[in-house]
Protein backbone atom coordinates (compact mmCIF):
# COMPACT_ATOMS: atom_id res chain seq x y z
CA PRO A 1 88.92 69.63 105.60
CA HIS A 2 88.72 73.12 104.19
CA PRO A 3 84.94 73.74 103.78
CA GLN A 4 85.07 76.42 101.08
CA PRO A 5 83.52 76.64 98.60
CA PRO A 6 80.39 74.70 99.52
CA LEU A 7 80.02 71.90 97.02
CA SER A 8 76.46 73.03 96.39
CA ASP A 9 77.92 76.18 94.79
CA LEU A 10 79.51 74.05 92.10
CA CYS A 11 76.14 72.81 90.87
CA ASN A 12 74.86 76.26 89.99
CA PRO A 13 76.01 77.67 86.61
CA ALA A 14 75.97 81.12 88.20
CA THR A 15 78.50 80.17 90.87
CA TYR A 16 80.59 77.22 89.60
CA CYS A 17 83.01 79.58 87.74
CA GLY A 18 84.11 76.90 85.29
CA ARG A 19 85.28 74.53 88.02
CA SER A 20 82.65 71.89 87.25
CA GLY A 21 79.95 71.51 84.61
CA PRO A 22 76.19 71.31 84.13
CA GLN A 23 76.16 67.52 84.51
CA TRP A 24 78.17 67.51 87.72
CA SER A 25 76.81 66.88 91.21
CA PRO A 26 78.46 66.38 94.63
CA THR A 27 77.72 62.67 94.35
CA GLN A 28 78.67 61.88 90.76
CA GLY A 29 80.31 63.27 87.65
CA THR A 30 80.60 62.35 83.98
CA ARG A 31 83.50 62.37 81.57
CA LYS A 32 84.26 61.18 78.07
CA ASP A 33 84.79 57.45 77.83
CA LYS A 34 88.42 56.43 77.61
CA GLY A 35 87.86 53.73 75.03
CA LYS A 36 84.71 54.52 73.08
CA VAL A 37 84.32 57.79 71.21
CA GLY A 38 81.03 59.51 72.02
CA ASN A 39 80.33 57.53 75.18
CA LEU A 40 80.33 59.05 78.64
CA THR A 41 81.61 57.41 81.84
CA VAL A 42 79.74 58.12 85.07
CA PHE A 43 81.94 58.07 88.19
CA PRO A 44 81.25 58.60 91.90
CA GLU A 45 82.42 62.04 92.98
CA ARG A 46 84.37 62.53 96.18
CA ASP A 47 85.41 65.51 98.28
CA ASN A 48 89.22 65.67 98.24
CA ARG A 49 89.53 68.73 100.44
CA GLY A 50 91.93 68.18 103.30
CA LYS A 51 93.48 65.07 101.72
CA VAL A 52 97.12 64.41 100.86
CA TYR A 53 97.98 62.06 98.00
CA LEU A 54 101.44 60.54 97.66
CA TYR A 55 102.31 59.38 94.15
CA PHE A 56 105.36 57.11 94.35
CA CYS A 57 107.25 55.12 91.73
CA PRO A 58 109.37 52.03 92.58
CA ASP A 59 111.40 52.70 89.40
CA ASP A 60 112.48 56.16 90.69
CA THR A 61 116.27 56.08 91.08
CA THR A 62 116.57 59.65 92.40
CA VAL A 63 115.41 58.96 95.97
CA ALA A 64 116.12 55.22 96.11
CA LEU A 65 119.40 55.63 98.03
CA ASP A 66 120.02 53.04 100.71
CA ASP A 67 120.57 55.66 103.42
CA VAL A 68 117.52 57.67 102.38
CA ARG A 69 114.87 55.20 101.17
CA GLY A 70 112.71 58.05 99.96
CA ILE A 71 108.96 57.61 99.99
CA GLY A 72 109.01 58.78 96.36
CA THR A 73 110.43 55.34 95.49
CA PHE A 74 109.26 53.03 98.28
CA GLY A 75 105.99 54.63 99.39
CA VAL A 76 104.89 54.55 103.04
CA TRP A 77 104.94 51.12 104.64
CA ASP A 78 102.75 49.58 107.32
CA ILE A 79 105.79 48.96 109.51
CA HIS A 80 108.24 51.40 111.06
CA GLY A 81 111.45 49.43 111.53
CA LYS A 82 111.95 45.88 112.78
CA ASP A 83 111.80 46.82 116.45
CA SER A 84 108.88 49.23 116.26
CA THR A 85 105.21 48.51 116.85
CA ARG A 86 104.08 51.67 115.05
CA ASN A 87 101.95 51.47 111.92
CA PRO A 88 102.54 54.65 109.88
CA MET A 89 99.70 54.02 107.43
CA ALA A 90 97.21 53.55 110.25
CA GLU A 91 98.41 56.78 111.89
CA LEU A 92 98.27 58.71 108.61
CA LYS A 93 94.76 57.49 107.83
CA ALA A 94 93.48 59.77 110.56
CA VAL A 95 94.84 62.81 108.69
CA ARG A 96 93.41 61.66 105.32
CA PHE A 97 96.65 60.47 103.74
CA TYR A 98 96.44 58.35 100.59
CA GLN A 99 98.98 56.86 98.23
CA ARG A 100 99.08 55.51 94.68
CA MET A 101 101.82 53.46 93.01
CA TRP A 102 103.01 54.37 89.51
CA THR A 103 105.33 52.01 87.67
CA LYS A 104 106.49 51.18 84.16
CA ARG A 105 106.58 47.49 85.08
CA TYR A 106 104.35 44.87 83.52
CA ARG A 107 102.98 41.93 85.48
CA ASP A 108 101.35 38.96 83.78
CA ASP A 109 101.93 40.79 80.48
CA SER A 110 99.76 43.71 81.61
CA PRO A 111 100.53 47.16 83.03
CA VAL A 112 100.15 47.70 86.76
CA MET A 113 97.01 49.81 86.77
CA VAL A 114 96.59 52.98 88.81
CA GLY A 115 93.22 53.20 90.51
CA LYS A 116 92.48 49.56 91.26
CA PRO A 117 90.24 48.96 94.31
CA PRO A 118 92.15 49.83 97.52
CA GLY A 119 94.23 47.01 98.93
CA TYR A 120 97.71 45.58 99.10
CA ASP A 121 99.94 45.50 96.04
CA LEU A 122 103.44 44.17 95.47
CA LEU A 123 106.26 46.66 95.65
CA ARG A 124 108.44 44.02 93.99
CA ALA A 125 106.98 40.97 92.26
CA LYS A 126 108.76 37.76 91.30
CA ASN A 127 111.66 38.18 88.83
CA GLU A 128 111.62 41.99 89.18
CA SER A 129 114.83 43.91 89.92
CA ARG A 130 115.95 44.10 93.54
CA TYR A 131 116.94 47.74 92.96
CA ALA A 132 115.38 50.72 91.19
CA GLY A 133 116.94 51.26 87.76
CA ASP A 134 118.57 48.70 85.50
CA SER A 135 122.13 48.68 86.88
CA TRP A 136 122.46 45.84 89.39
CA PHE A 137 126.02 46.87 90.27
CA ALA A 138 125.11 50.52 90.86
CA GLY A 139 122.16 49.37 92.93
CA LEU A 140 124.35 47.15 95.04
CA LEU A 141 126.62 50.10 95.84
CA SER A 142 124.08 52.77 96.64
CA LYS A 143 120.42 51.88 96.11
CA GLY A 144 118.03 50.61 98.75
CA PRO A 145 116.92 47.03 98.00
CA THR A 146 113.33 45.80 97.95
CA GLU A 147 112.63 42.27 99.04
CA GLU A 148 110.72 40.09 96.59
CA GLY A 149 107.08 39.76 97.61
CA HIS A 150 107.05 42.90 99.77
CA ARG A 151 103.48 44.18 99.94
CA ILE A 152 102.39 47.79 100.41
CA LEU A 153 98.98 49.23 101.16
CA ILE A 154 97.55 51.31 98.31
CA ASN A 155 94.66 53.03 100.03
CA ALA A 156 93.72 55.69 97.46
CA GLU A 157 90.21 55.44 96.11
CA GLN A 158 89.27 53.34 93.10
CA LEU A 159 89.19 55.16 89.76
CA TYR A 160 86.58 54.68 87.05
CA PRO A 161 88.14 53.42 84.90
CA PRO A 162 91.60 52.43 86.26
CA HIS A 163 94.48 53.93 84.29
CA ALA A 164 97.50 52.28 82.65
CA PRO A 165 100.34 54.65 83.66
CA ALA A 166 102.25 56.42 80.89
CA MET A 167 105.80 56.65 82.27
CA PHE A 168 107.88 57.11 79.11
CA GLY A 169 107.16 60.75 78.24
CA GLY A 170 110.20 62.67 77.02
CA GLU A 171 112.33 59.61 76.23
CA GLU A 172 114.27 59.65 72.97
CA GLU A 173 115.65 56.14 73.34
CA ASN A 174 112.76 54.09 74.61
CA TYR A 175 112.66 50.54 75.95
CA LYS A 176 108.91 50.58 76.53
CA GLY A 177 107.69 47.22 77.65
CA ASP A 178 111.07 46.11 79.02
CA GLN A 179 110.97 46.79 82.75
CA ASN A 180 114.63 45.89 83.14
CA LYS A 181 115.89 48.72 80.91
CA SER A 182 115.73 52.45 81.50
CA GLY A 183 114.98 54.72 78.57
CA ARG A 184 117.23 57.66 77.80
CA ASP A 185 116.05 61.25 77.76
CA ARG A 186 117.30 64.78 77.45
CA PRO A 187 118.14 66.56 80.69
CA ASP A 188 115.47 68.52 82.52
CA ASP A 189 116.18 71.58 84.68
CA ALA A 190 117.31 69.44 87.61
CA ASN A 191 119.76 67.49 85.42
CA LYS A 192 121.15 70.73 84.01
CA ALA A 193 121.66 72.13 87.50
CA ASN A 194 123.45 68.92 88.52
CA ALA A 195 125.78 69.14 85.52
CA VAL A 196 126.61 72.78 86.24
CA GLY A 197 127.44 72.08 89.88
CA ASN A 198 128.98 68.62 89.57
CA PRO A 199 132.81 68.63 89.52
CA ARG A 200 132.77 65.06 88.15
CA ALA A 201 130.47 65.88 85.23
CA LYS A 202 131.91 65.13 81.78
CA LEU A 203 132.15 68.56 80.14
CA ARG A 204 133.65 69.90 76.91
CA TRP A 205 136.97 71.76 76.58
CA HIS A 206 137.45 74.89 74.46
CA PHE A 207 140.63 76.27 72.92
CA VAL A 208 141.80 79.58 74.43
CA ARG A 209 145.23 80.15 72.86
CA ASN A 210 148.71 78.73 72.35
CA HIS A 211 151.57 79.77 74.60
CA THR A 212 155.31 79.17 74.68
CA GLY A 213 157.07 78.83 78.02
CA SER A 214 155.80 78.48 81.59
CA ILE A 215 152.18 79.30 82.43
CA ASP A 216 150.51 80.44 85.66
CA LEU A 217 147.14 78.70 85.30
CA GLU A 218 145.54 80.50 88.26
CA ARG A 219 146.42 83.82 86.75
CA GLU A 220 145.21 82.65 83.34
CA LEU A 221 141.88 81.63 84.90
CA ALA A 222 141.46 84.97 86.69
CA GLN A 223 142.21 86.92 83.50
CA TRP A 224 139.76 84.90 81.40
CA ASN A 225 136.94 85.30 83.94
CA MET A 226 137.56 88.99 84.62
CA GLY A 227 134.52 91.15 83.90
CA LYS A 228 132.29 88.23 82.90
CA ALA A 229 128.92 87.34 84.43
CA PRO A 230 128.89 84.20 86.65
CA GLY A 231 127.19 82.14 83.95
CA GLN A 232 129.93 83.07 81.47
CA GLN A 233 132.87 82.18 83.71
CA THR A 234 134.78 78.93 83.45
CA ARG A 235 135.73 76.81 86.44
CA ILE A 236 139.02 75.34 85.23
CA ILE A 237 141.77 76.17 82.76
CA ILE A 238 144.35 73.52 81.83
CA LYS A 239 147.42 73.32 79.58
CA ARG A 240 148.31 70.61 77.10
CA ARG A 241 151.88 70.24 75.92
CA LEU A 242 152.23 70.31 72.13
CA THR A 243 156.00 70.13 71.57
CA GLY A 244 158.98 68.56 73.24
CA ASP A 245 159.59 65.38 75.21
CA GLY A 246 160.97 64.68 78.66
CA ALA A 247 161.52 67.48 81.14
CA PRO A 248 159.75 70.78 80.36
CA ARG A 249 161.84 73.42 78.57
CA PRO A 250 161.31 77.17 78.06
CA SER A 251 160.84 76.59 74.34
CA ASP A 252 157.93 74.16 74.78
CA THR A 253 154.60 75.19 73.29
CA TYR A 254 151.34 74.58 75.14
CA GLU A 255 147.69 74.67 74.19
CA ILE A 256 145.53 76.42 76.81
CA LEU A 257 142.02 75.00 77.21
CA ARG A 258 139.06 76.03 79.34
CA GLU A 259 136.08 74.05 80.58
CA ASP A 260 132.46 74.76 79.56
CA THR A 261 130.83 77.73 81.27
CA PRO A 262 127.45 77.20 82.98
CA ASP A 263 125.70 79.06 80.15
CA GLU A 264 127.41 76.85 77.54
CA ILE A 265 126.40 73.71 79.42
CA ARG A 266 122.75 74.76 79.46
CA GLU A 267 122.83 75.84 75.81
CA PHE A 268 124.41 72.57 74.72
CA MET A 269 121.85 70.54 76.64
CA ASP A 270 118.98 72.61 75.25
CA GLU A 271 120.00 72.82 71.60
CA SER A 272 122.31 69.93 70.83
CA ASN A 273 120.96 67.05 68.79
CA SER A 274 123.86 64.93 69.98
CA THR A 275 123.10 61.72 71.84
CA GLU A 276 125.95 62.67 74.21
CA VAL A 277 123.54 64.65 76.36
CA LEU A 278 121.10 61.76 76.73
CA ASP A 279 121.07 60.12 80.12
CA PHE A 280 119.17 57.27 81.70
CA ASN A 281 115.68 58.27 82.74
CA SER A 282 115.42 58.32 86.53
CA TYR A 283 111.60 58.21 86.31
CA HIS A 284 111.55 60.78 89.11
CA SER A 285 109.28 62.92 86.91
CA GLY A 286 107.91 60.09 84.80
CA LEU A 287 104.25 60.49 85.68
CA LEU A 288 104.40 64.29 85.28
CA ARG A 289 105.53 64.17 81.66
CA SER A 290 102.44 62.58 80.13
CA PRO A 291 99.15 64.52 79.97
CA GLU A 292 97.18 61.24 80.04
CA ASN A 293 98.24 60.66 83.65
CA HIS A 294 96.79 64.00 84.72
CA GLN A 295 93.66 63.62 82.64
CA TRP A 296 92.72 60.25 84.12
CA VAL A 297 94.23 60.31 87.63
CA THR A 298 95.43 63.68 88.92
CA ALA A 299 92.17 65.31 87.82
CA MET A 300 90.32 62.84 90.05
CA ASP A 301 92.53 63.51 93.09
CA ILE A 302 92.76 67.29 93.16
CA ALA A 303 90.64 69.45 95.44
CA ILE A 304 88.75 72.61 94.51
CA GLY A 305 89.08 76.06 96.00
CA GLN A 306 91.85 75.70 98.57
CA ALA A 307 94.83 77.57 97.07
CA LYS A 308 94.32 81.29 97.66
CA CYS A 309 97.50 81.98 95.66
CA LEU A 310 95.61 81.07 92.47
CA ASP A 311 93.48 84.17 93.01
CA ASP A 312 96.38 86.32 94.23
CA PRO A 313 98.96 86.93 91.46
CA ALA A 314 101.33 88.79 93.83
CA MET A 315 101.41 85.88 96.27
CA ARG A 316 101.77 83.36 93.45
CA ASP A 317 104.75 85.26 91.99
CA VAL A 318 106.65 85.36 95.26
CA LEU A 319 105.97 81.66 96.01
CA VAL A 320 107.28 80.69 92.57
CA ALA A 321 110.32 82.94 93.06
CA ILE A 322 111.35 81.42 96.40
CA ALA A 323 110.65 77.81 95.35
CA ASP A 324 114.28 77.52 94.20
CA TRP A 325 116.41 78.03 97.30
CA LYS A 326 119.56 78.36 95.17
CA MET A 327 119.18 82.11 95.14
CA ASP A 328 122.14 84.43 94.54
CA LYS A 329 122.29 88.07 95.65
CA LYS A 330 120.80 89.37 92.41
CA LYS A 331 117.79 87.03 92.54
CA PHE A 332 117.25 87.71 96.23
CA GLU A 333 117.13 91.46 95.64
CA VAL A 334 114.45 90.88 92.99
CA VAL A 335 112.44 88.73 95.41
CA GLU A 336 112.52 91.41 98.14
CA LYS A 337 111.01 93.92 95.72
CA LEU A 338 108.08 91.69 94.72
CA PRO A 339 104.69 92.94 96.00
CA GLY A 340 104.00 89.57 97.62
CA TRP A 341 107.16 89.66 99.77
CA ILE A 342 105.50 91.71 102.54
CA LYS A 343 102.64 89.20 102.62
CA LEU A 344 104.99 86.46 103.84
CA SER A 345 105.26 85.91 107.57
CA ASP A 346 108.36 87.04 109.43
CA GLU A 347 109.37 83.40 109.84
CA ALA A 348 109.01 82.74 106.10
CA GLN A 349 111.06 85.82 105.22
CA ALA A 350 113.76 84.78 107.70
CA LEU A 351 113.97 81.30 106.12
CA VAL A 352 114.33 82.75 102.62
CA LYS A 353 117.07 85.11 103.82
CA ALA A 354 118.84 82.21 105.52
CA SER A 355 118.65 80.13 102.34
CA ASN A 356 120.24 82.98 100.42
CA ALA A 357 123.03 83.28 103.00
CA TYR A 358 123.66 79.54 102.83
CA TYR A 359 123.84 79.49 99.04
CA GLU A 360 125.90 82.69 98.73
CA ARG A 361 128.29 82.39 101.68
CA GLY A 362 127.92 78.87 103.06
CA ILE A 363 126.42 80.10 106.35
CA PHE A 364 124.18 77.37 107.75
CA PRO A 365 120.73 78.57 108.96
CA PRO A 366 120.43 79.14 112.73
CA PRO A 367 118.86 76.37 114.85
CA GLU A 368 115.75 78.54 115.38
CA LEU A 369 115.01 78.04 111.67
CA VAL A 370 116.56 74.61 111.02
CA PRO A 371 116.70 72.62 114.28
CA LEU A 372 119.81 70.49 114.75
CA THR A 373 117.87 67.95 116.81
CA PRO A 374 116.41 65.15 114.63
CA PRO A 375 112.62 64.72 114.53
CA SER A 376 111.16 62.25 117.01
CA LEU A 377 110.66 59.57 114.33
CA LEU A 378 114.42 59.57 113.70
CA THR A 379 115.59 59.78 117.28
CA GLY A 380 117.23 56.53 118.25
CA SER A 381 117.19 55.13 114.72
CA GLN A 382 120.41 53.92 113.19
CA ILE A 383 121.77 54.17 109.67
CA ASN A 384 124.61 51.81 108.78
CA GLY A 385 125.20 51.22 112.48
CA VAL A 386 125.72 54.92 113.28
CA SER A 387 123.28 56.55 115.67
CA LYS A 388 121.76 59.65 114.14
């Protein structure tokens, strides 16, 4: 574990720098009671430095794919495949790995609390859906199933008091209390990015002009996009016949339509009051959207004093800038001029440059940066009968 700052420093008002309080000690802390106004709850303090906490949600449909089985949905299991004797949770215990389960499900008419005493919990209880989400058919096609009665070790420390997870933040159509239905919410940044880059997304069409006679649609597209910024360019232009039947004739009139531009997609999703933009909540960010979850759980699991970037604005700015690998030439040039760029290692700079090349020109990073050989845990494993 990272030993700085010494916990004794956090007891002294002259050195705690707002990170603790006058009633705090390395062995216990106090906080306002969750249920009774004016009361204080005393809880055992713990040193979280050097720990890793996985928060996973069995309702998360984003990483529940059958050929991925992301730990964000399924957590980390005690077993590593049917033919393996390895116990991942036992191995990870040595490196201070802990996990908590967050779910919107109710069991015995009560929420599944976060922060119960460590032990085994059910990933899927009786009568719960076999798949994440509420579409059985979609789950059958693509989602990884969970067997009824499957147990998973929740080894994160007990919380005082345990917390009923708030998983419905941001929903406009809410089925709270019905675990078999997903609420509907407005798109977040990830949803917007998916809509912009998804050729199968259902987008709006805008009138360009009417035209009589034959039309070269590729030329029409090039002319419309000429001189416009990437966010203001359309991807497709189509024609719709307005007059005449049967075989096309030179006298036929057509309506020329263009698809939404990326900027129009984002604007519509941001400003429209229409329910058309609502989509089923994936619960991938469910726990992040409610402050109560952070107040009663995340605040208990964070560590103090490890992230140097919090005290280094230049480093923080460059880390935030490179967090999105979808970086075009313009953004990359801005990143290179940031004061924190020279503080990155040569390897880190090379990876950022390679990400830019991949996004801009489709050039895959060299094997020195992204090895083509699978990690040892994957070597010899099979997905759908195909050796990876």
